[in-house]
N, C-alpha and C. Protein backbone atom coordinates (compact mmCIF):
# COMPACT_ATOMS: atom_id res chain seq x y z
N MET A 1 6.28 -10.89 -12.28
CA MET A 1 6.48 -9.81 -11.38
C MET A 1 5.47 -10.04 -10.11
N VAL A 2 6.01 -9.87 -8.97
CA VAL A 2 5.20 -9.94 -7.78
C VAL A 2 4.45 -8.65 -7.52
N PHE A 3 3.31 -8.78 -7.29
CA PHE A 3 2.25 -7.56 -7.10
C PHE A 3 2.52 -6.44 -8.24
N PRO A 4 2.15 -6.88 -9.39
CA PRO A 4 2.37 -6.05 -10.58
C PRO A 4 1.56 -4.71 -10.40
N LYS A 5 0.32 -4.77 -9.78
CA LYS A 5 -0.48 -3.56 -9.71
C LYS A 5 0.36 -2.48 -8.72
N ILE A 6 1.03 -3.01 -7.75
CA ILE A 6 1.79 -2.12 -7.00
C ILE A 6 3.11 -1.64 -7.54
N MET A 7 3.87 -2.63 -8.20
CA MET A 7 5.17 -2.37 -8.69
C MET A 7 5.17 -1.50 -9.95
N THR A 8 3.91 -1.40 -10.52
CA THR A 8 3.88 -0.56 -11.94
C THR A 8 3.08 0.71 -11.57
N HIS A 9 2.60 0.92 -10.32
CA HIS A 9 1.87 1.99 -9.91
C HIS A 9 2.71 3.33 -10.01
N PRO A 10 2.12 4.44 -10.52
CA PRO A 10 2.91 5.74 -10.62
C PRO A 10 3.35 6.24 -9.28
N GLN A 11 2.71 5.82 -8.17
CA GLN A 11 3.00 6.23 -6.82
C GLN A 11 3.55 5.19 -5.97
N LYS A 12 4.25 4.18 -6.55
CA LYS A 12 4.73 2.94 -5.82
C LYS A 12 5.84 3.51 -4.79
N ASN A 13 6.53 4.46 -4.91
CA ASN A 13 7.51 4.92 -3.90
C ASN A 13 6.70 5.47 -2.79
N LEU A 14 5.64 6.27 -2.95
CA LEU A 14 4.90 6.72 -1.95
C LEU A 14 4.19 5.56 -1.08
N ILE A 15 3.61 4.59 -1.86
CA ILE A 15 2.96 3.49 -1.20
C ILE A 15 3.93 2.79 -0.16
N VAL A 16 5.06 2.38 -0.77
CA VAL A 16 6.10 1.74 0.06
C VAL A 16 6.52 2.64 1.28
N LYS A 17 6.72 4.01 0.99
CA LYS A 17 7.18 4.89 2.15
C LYS A 17 6.10 4.93 3.26
N LEU A 18 4.71 5.02 2.92
CA LEU A 18 3.67 5.09 3.79
C LEU A 18 3.58 3.75 4.64
N LEU A 19 3.73 2.66 4.00
CA LEU A 19 3.65 1.36 4.54
C LEU A 19 4.84 1.22 5.61
N ARG A 20 6.03 1.63 5.03
CA ARG A 20 7.24 1.51 5.92
C ARG A 20 7.27 2.41 7.07
N ASP A 21 6.57 3.53 7.00
CA ASP A 21 6.49 4.52 8.00
C ASP A 21 5.29 4.07 9.04
N GLY A 22 4.67 2.97 8.77
CA GLY A 22 3.68 2.50 9.69
C GLY A 22 2.26 2.89 9.46
N LYS A 23 2.05 3.63 8.40
CA LYS A 23 0.63 4.06 7.98
C LYS A 23 -0.17 2.70 7.67
N GLY A 24 -1.44 2.74 8.04
CA GLY A 24 -2.28 1.53 7.88
C GLY A 24 -2.70 1.38 6.39
N VAL A 25 -3.01 0.23 5.85
CA VAL A 25 -3.37 -0.02 4.64
C VAL A 25 -4.79 0.79 4.17
N ARG A 26 -5.62 1.01 5.11
CA ARG A 26 -6.79 1.74 4.79
C ARG A 26 -6.53 3.22 4.63
N HIS A 27 -5.37 3.76 5.31
CA HIS A 27 -4.93 5.18 5.04
C HIS A 27 -4.32 5.32 3.60
N VAL A 28 -3.40 4.26 3.23
CA VAL A 28 -2.85 4.20 1.94
C VAL A 28 -3.94 4.14 0.88
N ARG A 29 -4.99 3.38 1.11
CA ARG A 29 -6.05 3.18 0.05
C ARG A 29 -6.64 4.65 -0.03
N LYS A 30 -6.90 5.41 1.08
CA LYS A 30 -7.66 6.61 1.08
C LYS A 30 -6.73 7.70 0.42
N VAL A 31 -5.49 7.65 0.51
CA VAL A 31 -4.52 8.60 0.03
C VAL A 31 -4.62 8.45 -1.53
N LEU A 32 -4.60 7.26 -2.00
CA LEU A 32 -4.67 6.95 -3.44
C LEU A 32 -6.02 7.29 -4.04
N GLN A 33 -7.13 7.10 -3.33
CA GLN A 33 -8.34 7.57 -3.72
C GLN A 33 -8.59 9.01 -3.92
N ASP A 34 -7.93 9.68 -2.80
CA ASP A 34 -7.95 11.24 -2.96
C ASP A 34 -7.10 11.63 -4.02
N MET A 35 -6.01 11.06 -4.40
CA MET A 35 -5.11 11.42 -5.46
C MET A 35 -5.62 11.28 -6.83
N TYR A 36 -6.41 10.16 -6.94
CA TYR A 36 -6.92 9.79 -8.25
C TYR A 36 -8.53 9.55 -8.03
N PRO A 37 -9.27 10.66 -7.77
CA PRO A 37 -10.72 10.43 -7.49
C PRO A 37 -11.49 9.94 -8.73
N ASP A 38 -11.05 10.19 -9.94
CA ASP A 38 -11.70 9.80 -11.08
C ASP A 38 -11.18 8.61 -11.88
N ASP A 39 -10.11 7.97 -11.32
CA ASP A 39 -9.33 6.84 -12.08
C ASP A 39 -9.22 5.78 -11.02
N ARG A 40 -10.30 4.92 -11.11
CA ARG A 40 -10.31 3.74 -10.10
C ARG A 40 -9.15 2.74 -10.49
N SER A 41 -8.53 2.77 -11.59
CA SER A 41 -7.53 1.71 -11.97
C SER A 41 -6.23 2.13 -11.14
N LYS A 42 -6.19 3.24 -10.56
CA LYS A 42 -4.94 3.69 -9.60
C LYS A 42 -5.23 3.42 -8.27
N TRP A 43 -6.42 2.90 -7.80
CA TRP A 43 -6.81 2.62 -6.54
C TRP A 43 -6.37 1.12 -6.19
N LEU A 44 -5.98 0.89 -4.92
CA LEU A 44 -5.65 -0.52 -4.59
C LEU A 44 -6.49 -0.96 -3.47
N SER A 45 -6.79 -2.10 -3.37
CA SER A 45 -7.75 -2.74 -2.39
C SER A 45 -6.89 -2.95 -1.14
N VAL A 46 -7.67 -2.94 0.00
CA VAL A 46 -7.08 -3.30 1.21
C VAL A 46 -6.39 -4.71 1.19
N PRO A 47 -7.04 -5.66 0.75
CA PRO A 47 -6.41 -7.11 0.78
C PRO A 47 -5.03 -7.05 -0.03
N THR A 48 -5.08 -6.32 -1.21
CA THR A 48 -3.80 -6.21 -2.01
C THR A 48 -2.71 -5.69 -1.18
N LEU A 49 -3.00 -4.44 -0.55
CA LEU A 49 -1.99 -3.74 0.25
C LEU A 49 -1.51 -4.53 1.50
N GLN A 50 -2.51 -5.24 2.06
CA GLN A 50 -2.08 -6.12 3.30
C GLN A 50 -1.12 -7.24 2.81
N ALA A 51 -1.52 -7.91 1.67
CA ALA A 51 -0.71 -9.00 1.23
C ALA A 51 0.72 -8.46 0.93
N PHE A 52 0.82 -7.35 0.15
CA PHE A 52 2.12 -6.74 -0.20
C PHE A 52 2.95 -6.30 1.07
N ARG A 53 2.23 -5.74 2.08
CA ARG A 53 2.99 -5.47 3.24
C ARG A 53 3.39 -6.57 4.00
N LYS A 54 2.70 -7.70 4.02
CA LYS A 54 3.07 -8.89 4.71
C LYS A 54 4.21 -9.69 4.03
N GLU A 55 3.96 -10.00 2.67
CA GLU A 55 4.74 -10.90 1.87
C GLU A 55 6.08 -10.08 1.44
N HIS A 56 5.90 -8.91 0.88
CA HIS A 56 7.03 -8.27 0.26
C HIS A 56 7.71 -7.26 1.27
N MET A 57 7.14 -6.80 2.17
CA MET A 57 7.86 -5.91 3.16
C MET A 57 8.04 -6.61 4.49
N LYS A 58 7.58 -7.87 4.67
CA LYS A 58 7.76 -8.68 5.82
C LYS A 58 7.29 -7.89 7.13
N LEU A 59 6.20 -7.20 7.01
CA LEU A 59 5.61 -6.44 8.17
C LEU A 59 4.38 -7.16 8.56
N GLU A 60 4.25 -7.47 9.83
CA GLU A 60 3.02 -8.07 10.21
C GLU A 60 2.53 -7.22 11.51
N GLY A 61 1.41 -7.68 12.13
CA GLY A 61 0.92 -6.91 13.19
C GLY A 61 1.76 -6.52 14.33
N ASP A 62 2.58 -7.59 14.86
CA ASP A 62 3.54 -7.30 15.96
C ASP A 62 4.59 -6.21 15.58
N ALA A 63 4.99 -6.47 14.30
CA ALA A 63 6.16 -5.49 13.95
C ALA A 63 5.57 -4.15 13.67
N LEU A 64 4.36 -3.98 13.34
CA LEU A 64 3.62 -2.67 13.04
C LEU A 64 3.51 -2.06 14.37
N GLU A 65 3.20 -2.75 15.44
CA GLU A 65 3.10 -2.10 16.80
C GLU A 65 4.42 -1.39 17.26
N ASP A 66 5.52 -1.88 16.78
CA ASP A 66 6.77 -1.23 17.15
C ASP A 66 7.17 0.02 16.36
N VAL A 67 6.50 0.06 15.29
CA VAL A 67 6.78 1.32 14.43
C VAL A 67 6.30 2.55 14.97
């Protein structure tokens, strides 16, 4: 499974929606930290989110500027 931490996350649909809507990876990380303040296992790192956005969603800097 590619990106198992994201694909098995209880908020995976929200994560994908936020990234697809052009929200930054730091914003997504903050949303997850606010949702799960006491459960660090549900937090995702910026590099993980960046890699997922780039490799799985095929979104990069130029494409994000158009969103």
